[in-house]
């Protein structure tokens, strides 16, 4: 869910993937794309590049993979949009037909958003964890906006989680 504050408050649901590249057991770089659904005029959303730092895992036992893992994120991002219009034909009064050809338009902004947030991951089993995250972001452009997003998702690692992987 995203809440944007510009010339009023706007609430919209988001969906999208997130790809995390672990640098170490506690540090990672994440790429994310959040698409606003539904969006009447095509596809619109945000993309993010962020640094993630995981705090110490609160394991119940030394071999427990399911401990709570709090984290914080900081990063940058931008927006993207894509719109496709079908061919249109309009008949005139004199019997002629005006044809407007099909067209598409896409845009990918430069990095113009700053973001900071935090959350936690809770292991469900060796092959999945639930992730809850909240973050705020602000546009650095002149027509700026302030927004907040709440995300809930399932994290599925390639190869599985290791026991006691975060110390």
Protein backbone atom coordinates (compact mmCIF):
# COMPACT_ATOMS: atom_id res chain seq x y z
CA UNK A 1 0.00 0.00 0.00
CA UNK A 2 1.27 3.46 -0.84
CA UNK A 3 0.07 6.72 0.66
CA UNK A 4 1.15 9.76 -1.36
CA UNK A 5 0.74 13.31 -0.13
CA UNK A 6 0.87 15.98 -2.84
CA UNK A 7 -2.28 18.02 -3.56
CA UNK A 8 -4.18 15.73 -1.21
CA UNK A 9 -3.70 12.20 0.13
CA UNK A 10 -3.87 9.23 -2.23
CA UNK A 11 -4.04 5.57 -1.18
CA UNK A 12 -3.20 2.85 -3.72
CA UNK A 13 -2.22 -0.84 -3.53
CA UNK A 14 1.19 -1.91 -4.88
CA UNK A 15 2.59 -5.19 -6.21
CA UNK A 16 6.05 -6.06 -7.41
CA UNK A 17 9.23 -8.05 -7.07
CA UNK A 18 12.32 -7.37 -4.98
CA UNK A 19 15.76 -8.80 -5.67
CA UNK A 20 18.31 -8.85 -2.84
CA UNK A 21 22.05 -9.31 -3.33
CA UNK A 22 23.79 -10.18 -0.05
CA UNK A 23 27.17 -8.50 0.36
CA UNK A 24 27.75 -10.06 3.78
CA UNK A 25 25.64 -11.78 6.43
CA UNK A 26 24.24 -8.42 7.55
CA UNK A 27 24.57 -6.14 4.50
CA UNK A 28 22.68 -6.30 1.20
CA UNK A 29 21.79 -4.26 -1.88
CA UNK A 30 18.18 -4.47 -3.05
CA UNK A 31 16.46 -3.69 -6.34
CA UNK A 32 12.67 -3.31 -6.20
CA UNK A 33 9.86 -2.38 -8.57
CA UNK A 34 6.47 -1.48 -7.08
CA UNK A 35 3.60 -1.16 -9.57
CA UNK A 36 0.42 0.74 -8.67
CA UNK A 37 -2.70 -1.40 -9.25
CA UNK A 38 -5.11 -0.68 -10.73
CA UNK A 39 -3.91 2.28 -12.77
CA UNK A 40 -6.43 3.56 -15.34
CA UNK A 41 -3.94 4.80 -17.92
CA UNK A 42 -1.56 1.83 -18.31
CA UNK A 43 1.25 0.89 -15.94
CA UNK A 44 2.75 3.23 -13.35
CA UNK A 45 5.08 2.55 -10.46
CA UNK A 46 8.32 3.18 -8.63
CA UNK A 47 11.72 1.53 -8.73
CA UNK A 48 14.23 1.54 -5.89
CA UNK A 49 17.90 0.84 -5.31
CA UNK A 50 18.56 0.55 -1.61
CA UNK A 51 21.05 -0.59 1.01
CA UNK A 52 19.73 -2.99 3.66
CA UNK A 53 21.42 -3.53 7.04
CA UNK A 54 20.13 -6.38 9.20
CA UNK A 55 20.42 -6.14 12.97
CA UNK A 56 21.19 -9.16 15.10
CA UNK A 57 18.75 -12.03 14.71
CA UNK A 58 16.83 -12.85 17.90
CA UNK A 59 17.03 -16.64 17.67
CA UNK A 60 15.30 -18.78 20.26
CA UNK A 61 18.02 -21.47 20.09
CA UNK A 62 21.51 -21.38 18.54
CA UNK A 63 20.32 -23.51 15.59
CA UNK A 64 16.98 -21.68 15.14
CA UNK A 65 16.59 -20.17 11.64
CA UNK A 66 13.17 -18.74 12.46
CA UNK A 67 14.25 -15.85 14.70
CA UNK A 68 13.06 -12.33 14.09
CA UNK A 69 15.48 -10.27 11.95
CA UNK A 70 14.97 -6.49 12.16
CA UNK A 71 16.53 -4.34 9.43
CA UNK A 72 16.70 -0.79 8.10
CA UNK A 73 17.00 0.47 4.54
CA UNK A 74 18.16 3.66 2.87
CA UNK A 75 18.27 4.36 -0.83
CA UNK A 76 17.12 6.15 -3.92
CA UNK A 77 14.70 5.54 -6.74
CA UNK A 78 12.44 6.96 -9.39
CA UNK A 79 9.24 6.23 -11.27
CA UNK A 80 8.27 4.47 -14.47
CA UNK A 81 5.17 4.50 -16.65
CA UNK A 82 3.93 2.83 -19.80
CA UNK A 83 0.76 3.56 -21.77
CA UNK A 84 -0.54 1.88 -24.92
CA UNK A 85 -3.40 3.30 -27.01
CA UNK A 86 -5.21 1.25 -29.65
CA UNK A 87 -5.97 2.52 -33.14
CA UNK A 88 -9.06 4.77 -33.28
CA UNK A 89 -11.27 5.56 -36.27
CA UNK A 90 -13.67 8.48 -36.30
CA UNK A 91 -16.25 9.02 -39.01
CA UNK A 92 -16.85 12.58 -40.15
CA UNK A 93 -20.13 14.06 -41.30
CA UNK A 94 -18.89 14.15 -44.93
CA UNK A 95 -18.34 10.35 -44.85
CA UNK A 96 -14.55 10.42 -44.54
CA UNK A 97 -12.78 8.51 -41.79
CA UNK A 98 -9.96 9.87 -39.66
CA UNK A 99 -7.55 7.18 -38.43
CA UNK A 100 -5.50 7.74 -35.29
CA UNK A 101 -2.78 5.04 -35.33
CA UNK A 102 -2.01 2.84 -32.34
CA UNK A 103 0.71 4.27 -30.14
CA UNK A 104 2.62 3.57 -26.97
CA UNK A 105 4.58 5.76 -24.61
CA UNK A 106 7.01 4.81 -21.86
CA UNK A 107 9.03 6.82 -19.40
CA UNK A 108 11.72 5.98 -16.85
CA UNK A 109 12.74 8.86 -14.62
CA UNK A 110 16.22 9.49 -13.33
CA UNK A 111 16.95 8.76 -9.66
CA UNK A 112 14.89 11.51 -8.03
CA UNK A 113 13.49 9.98 -4.83
CA UNK A 114 15.20 9.51 -1.45
CA UNK A 115 13.91 6.72 0.79
CA UNK A 116 14.46 5.46 4.34
CA UNK A 117 12.69 2.66 6.13
CA UNK A 118 12.81 -0.43 8.27
CA UNK A 119 11.09 -3.66 9.08
CA UNK A 120 11.67 -7.28 9.98
CA UNK A 121 11.84 -10.75 8.51
CA UNK A 122 10.49 -13.78 10.32
CA UNK A 123 11.52 -17.23 9.10
CA UNK A 124 8.63 -19.58 8.32
CA UNK A 125 10.85 -22.55 7.44
CA UNK A 126 14.21 -23.15 5.76
CA UNK A 127 12.84 -22.04 2.37
CA UNK A 128 10.63 -19.03 3.18
CA UNK A 129 10.33 -15.99 5.43
CA UNK A 130 7.68 -13.32 5.81
CA UNK A 131 8.84 -9.72 5.43
CA UNK A 132 7.10 -6.62 6.79
CA UNK A 133 8.50 -3.23 5.87
CA UNK A 134 7.56 0.41 6.17
CA UNK A 135 9.32 3.28 4.49
CA UNK A 136 8.94 6.90 3.57
CA UNK A 137 10.20 8.65 0.49
CA UNK A 138 10.37 12.18 -0.75
CA UNK A 139 10.89 13.55 -4.23
CA UNK A 140 13.90 15.80 -4.72
CA UNK A 141 12.30 17.47 -7.75
CA UNK A 142 10.78 20.91 -7.63
CA UNK A 143 7.18 19.59 -7.81
CA UNK A 144 8.06 17.15 -4.98
CA UNK A 145 5.82 14.85 -3.03
CA UNK A 146 5.98 12.92 0.21
CA UNK A 147 4.87 9.28 0.33
CA UNK A 148 4.79 6.32 2.68
CA UNK A 149 4.55 2.67 1.79
CA UNK A 150 3.77 -0.45 3.79
CA UNK A 151 4.88 -3.75 2.29
CA UNK A 152 4.17 -7.33 3.29
CA UNK A 153 5.66 -10.20 1.33
CA UNK A 154 7.20 -13.64 1.31
CA UNK A 155 10.94 -13.98 0.82
CA UNK A 156 12.16 -17.14 -0.95
CA UNK A 157 15.97 -17.53 -1.01
CA UNK A 158 17.87 -19.45 -3.64
CA UNK A 159 19.41 -22.38 -1.76
CA UNK A 160 17.52 -21.85 1.51
CA UNK A 161 18.30 -20.06 4.74
CA UNK A 162 21.28 -21.19 6.79
CA UNK A 163 20.92 -21.85 10.49
CA UNK A 164 22.37 -19.04 12.60
CA UNK A 165 23.28 -17.11 9.41
CA UNK A 166 23.12 -13.66 11.01
CA UNK A 167 25.20 -12.93 14.08
